[in-house]
Amino acid sequence: MNLRPQSFSYRFAEEVLNSKLALKQEIEKTLFGSHINISSLSRPGFNKALKNKFVEKGWQSQPNVFGRYGDPSAKMDFLKDRIGIEVEFGHASFLGIDLLKFQVSSYSGLDEIDVGVYIV
């Protein structure tokens, strides 16, 4: 079974990712490489496989959204070179929370990311 990726760009996200083309390609290889057979994975298994691959490629896993002074339970899934990634294969009810993490990390005084990648 192969994934058929669909990409949606909001507020010039595609252009920002293209300015970091090597990282964009790294994300795409991690998601769509032949190393993951999704037909045999559960959602938790797919999450674990993605975590292992991203961490192996130097992505920070579970960084705090608010830095060391904020809520320690508010974490992004992955962060590298000002690109934040959230992976959500669970409930649609988490959509607002996940998008808020991107907003807080980019627009507020934190200024931690330039672009967020939401994998659903």
C-alpha atoms as a PDB file:
ATOM      1  CA  MET A   1       0.000   0.000   0.000  1.00  0.00           C
ATOM      2  CA  ASN A   2       1.385   3.400  -0.975  1.00  0.00           C
ATOM      3  CA  LEU A   3       0.538   6.761   0.463  1.00  0.00           C
ATOM      4  CA  ARG A   4      -0.679   9.392  -1.940  1.00  0.00           C
ATOM      5  CA  PRO A   5       0.481  12.680  -0.482  1.00  0.00           C
ATOM      6  CA  GLN A   6      -1.611  15.793  -0.703  1.00  0.00           C
ATOM      7  CA  SER A   7      -0.057  19.075   0.159  1.00  0.00           C
ATOM      8  CA  PHE A   8      -1.805  22.295   1.116  1.00  0.00           C
ATOM      9  CA  SER A   9       0.108  25.523   1.526  1.00  0.00           C
ATOM     10  CA  TYR A  10      -1.169  28.228   3.840  1.00  0.00           C
ATOM     11  CA  ARG A  11       0.396  31.680   4.063  1.00  0.00           C
ATOM     12  CA  PHE A  12       3.290  30.852   1.740  1.00  0.00           C
ATOM     13  CA  ALA A  13       4.344  27.745   3.672  1.00  0.00           C
ATOM     14  CA  GLU A  14       5.418  26.014   0.449  1.00  0.00           C
ATOM     15  CA  GLU A  15       7.761  28.872  -0.409  1.00  0.00           C
ATOM     16  CA  VAL A  16       9.251  28.833   3.089  1.00  0.00           C
ATOM     17  CA  LEU A  17       9.817  25.070   2.853  1.00  0.00           C
ATOM     18  CA  ASN A  18      11.333  25.453  -0.603  1.00  0.00           C
ATOM     19  CA  SER A  19      13.850  27.895   0.865  1.00  0.00           C
ATOM     20  CA  LYS A  20      14.999  24.953   3.017  1.00  0.00           C
ATOM     21  CA  LEU A  21      14.795  22.420   0.222  1.00  0.00           C
ATOM     22  CA  ALA A  22      17.064  19.819   1.831  1.00  0.00           C
ATOM     23  CA  LEU A  23      14.842  19.701   4.930  1.00  0.00           C
ATOM     24  CA  LYS A  24      11.683  19.582   2.827  1.00  0.00           C
ATOM     25  CA  GLN A  25      13.095  16.597   0.939  1.00  0.00           C
ATOM     26  CA  GLU A  26      14.166  14.997   4.224  1.00  0.00           C
ATOM     27  CA  ILE A  27      10.577  15.262   5.502  1.00  0.00           C
ATOM     28  CA  GLU A  28       9.188  13.794   2.281  1.00  0.00           C
ATOM     29  CA  LYS A  29      11.691  10.895   2.300  1.00  0.00           C
ATOM     30  CA  THR A  30      10.855  10.148   5.917  1.00  0.00           C
ATOM     31  CA  LEU A  31       7.132  10.099   5.226  1.00  0.00           C
ATOM     32  CA  PHE A  32       7.071   8.343   1.874  1.00  0.00           C
ATOM     33  CA  GLY A  33      10.215   6.227   1.807  1.00  0.00           C
ATOM     34  CA  SER A  34      10.021   2.498   1.250  1.00  0.00           C
ATOM     35  CA  HIS A  35      11.330   1.864   4.784  1.00  0.00           C
ATOM     36  CA  ILE A  36       7.781   2.107   6.163  1.00  0.00           C
ATOM     37  CA  ASN A  37       5.159  -0.445   5.171  1.00  0.00           C
ATOM     38  CA  ILE A  38       1.992   1.283   6.337  1.00  0.00           C
ATOM     39  CA  SER A  39      -0.275  -1.630   5.464  1.00  0.00           C
ATOM     40  CA  SER A  40       1.175  -3.563   8.396  1.00  0.00           C
ATOM     41  CA  LEU A  41       1.220  -0.711  10.918  1.00  0.00           C
ATOM     42  CA  SER A  42      -1.260   0.550  13.437  1.00  0.00           C
ATOM     43  CA  ARG A  43      -1.515   4.280  14.118  1.00  0.00           C
ATOM     44  CA  PRO A  44       0.759   3.986  17.161  1.00  0.00           C
ATOM     45  CA  GLY A  45       3.172   1.876  15.098  1.00  0.00           C
ATOM     46  CA  PHE A  46       3.289   4.486  12.352  1.00  0.00           C
ATOM     47  CA  ASN A  47       3.881   7.223  14.933  1.00  0.00           C
ATOM     48  CA  LYS A  48       6.746   5.216  16.420  1.00  0.00           C
ATOM     49  CA  ALA A  49       8.304   4.552  13.004  1.00  0.00           C
ATOM     50  CA  LEU A  50       8.124   8.262  12.143  1.00  0.00           C
ATOM     51  CA  LYS A  51       9.605   9.247  15.497  1.00  0.00           C
ATOM     52  CA  ASN A  52      12.523   6.860  15.052  1.00  0.00           C
ATOM     53  CA  LYS A  53      13.245   8.152  11.534  1.00  0.00           C
ATOM     54  CA  PHE A  54      12.968  11.846  12.397  1.00  0.00           C
ATOM     55  CA  VAL A  55      15.147  11.509  15.512  1.00  0.00           C
ATOM     56  CA  GLU A  56      17.680   9.491  13.499  1.00  0.00           C
ATOM     57  CA  LYS A  57      17.900  12.466  11.100  1.00  0.00           C
ATOM     58  CA  GLY A  58      18.577  14.943  13.899  1.00  0.00           C
ATOM     59  CA  TRP A  59      15.087  16.268  14.598  1.00  0.00           C
ATOM     60  CA  GLN A  60      14.401  17.273  18.188  1.00  0.00           C
ATOM     61  CA  SER A  61      11.586  15.130  19.587  1.00  0.00           C
ATOM     62  CA  GLN A  62       8.922  16.633  21.847  1.00  0.00           C
ATOM     63  CA  PRO A  63      10.404  20.125  22.391  1.00  0.00           C
ATOM     64  CA  ASN A  64       8.408  22.382  24.716  1.00  0.00           C
ATOM     65  CA  VAL A  65       6.289  24.880  22.815  1.00  0.00           C
ATOM     66  CA  PHE A  66       6.652  27.558  25.477  1.00  0.00           C
ATOM     67  CA  GLY A  67      10.317  27.000  26.234  1.00  0.00           C
ATOM     68  CA  ARG A  68      11.482  26.165  29.692  1.00  0.00           C
ATOM     69  CA  TYR A  69       9.115  28.621  31.413  1.00  0.00           C
ATOM     70  CA  GLY A  70       5.810  27.450  29.974  1.00  0.00           C
ATOM     71  CA  ASP A  71       3.502  24.521  30.377  1.00  0.00           C
ATOM     72  CA  PRO A  72       5.668  21.378  30.254  1.00  0.00           C
ATOM     73  CA  SER A  73       2.817  19.379  28.749  1.00  0.00           C
ATOM     74  CA  ALA A  74       2.631  21.619  25.644  1.00  0.00           C
ATOM     75  CA  LYS A  75       4.998  19.896  23.242  1.00  0.00           C
ATOM     76  CA  MET A  76       5.470  19.866  19.501  1.00  0.00           C
ATOM     77  CA  ASP A  77       6.243  16.512  17.912  1.00  0.00           C
ATOM     78  CA  PHE A  78       9.442  17.500  16.070  1.00  0.00           C
ATOM     79  CA  LEU A  79      11.586  20.584  15.532  1.00  0.00           C
ATOM     80  CA  LYS A  80      14.612  21.253  13.360  1.00  0.00           C
ATOM     81  CA  ASP A  81      16.043  24.433  11.889  1.00  0.00           C
ATOM     82  CA  ARG A  82      12.868  26.466  12.570  1.00  0.00           C
ATOM     83  CA  ILE A  83      10.539  23.869  11.037  1.00  0.00           C
ATOM     84  CA  GLY A  84       7.956  22.418  13.399  1.00  0.00           C
ATOM     85  CA  ILE A  85       6.141  19.159  12.748  1.00  0.00           C
ATOM     86  CA  GLU A  86       2.936  17.869  14.319  1.00  0.00           C
ATOM     87  CA  VAL A  87       1.749  14.312  13.597  1.00  0.00           C
ATOM     88  CA  GLU A  88      -1.901  13.511  14.307  1.00  0.00           C
ATOM     89  CA  PHE A  89      -3.461  10.161  13.485  1.00  0.00           C
ATOM     90  CA  GLY A  90      -5.870  10.191  16.387  1.00  0.00           C
ATOM     91  CA  HIS A  91      -8.891  12.368  16.937  1.00  0.00           C
ATOM     92  CA  ALA A  92      -9.951  15.402  14.940  1.00  0.00           C
ATOM     93  CA  SER A  93     -10.613  17.142  18.256  1.00  0.00           C
ATOM     94  CA  PHE A  94      -6.853  17.779  18.577  1.00  0.00           C
ATOM     95  CA  LEU A  95      -6.760  19.913  15.418  1.00  0.00           C
ATOM     96  CA  GLY A  96      -7.237  23.208  17.259  1.00  0.00           C
ATOM     97  CA  ILE A  97      -4.620  22.412  19.874  1.00  0.00           C
ATOM     98  CA  ASP A  98      -2.074  21.336  17.256  1.00  0.00           C
ATOM     99  CA  LEU A  99      -2.598  24.452  15.137  1.00  0.00           C
ATOM    100  CA  LEU A 100      -2.374  26.625  18.238  1.00  0.00           C
ATOM    101  CA  LYS A 101       1.088  25.157  18.915  1.00  0.00           C
ATOM    102  CA  PHE A 102       2.218  26.375  15.487  1.00  0.00           C
ATOM    103  CA  GLN A 103       0.693  29.784  16.044  1.00  0.00           C
ATOM    104  CA  VAL A 104       2.240  30.260  19.462  1.00  0.00           C
ATOM    105  CA  SER A 105       5.612  29.046  18.231  1.00  0.00           C
ATOM    106  CA  SER A 106       5.669  31.431  15.288  1.00  0.00           C
ATOM    107  CA  TYR A 107       3.646  34.549  16.046  1.00  0.00           C
ATOM    108  CA  SER A 108       4.152  35.148  19.712  1.00  0.00           C
ATOM    109  CA  GLY A 109       7.301  36.433  21.323  1.00  0.00           C
ATOM    110  CA  LEU A 110       8.697  32.908  21.154  1.00  0.00           C
ATOM    111  CA  ASP A 111       9.596  33.094  17.442  1.00  0.00           C
ATOM    112  CA  GLU A 112      10.734  29.452  17.334  1.00  0.00           C
ATOM    113  CA  ILE A 113       9.478  28.358  13.907  1.00  0.00           C
ATOM    114  CA  ASP A 114       9.119  29.796  10.405  1.00  0.00           C
ATOM    115  CA  VAL A 115       6.775  27.090   9.173  1.00  0.00           C
ATOM    116  CA  GLY A 116       4.745  24.211  10.545  1.00  0.00           C
ATOM    117  CA  VAL A 117       4.125  20.879   8.853  1.00  0.00           C
ATOM    118  CA  TYR A 118       0.953  19.118   9.931  1.00  0.00           C
ATOM    119  CA  ILE A 119       0.886  15.396   9.090  1.00  0.00           C
ATOM    120  CA  VAL A 120      -2.570  13.844   9.243  1.00  0.00           C
END
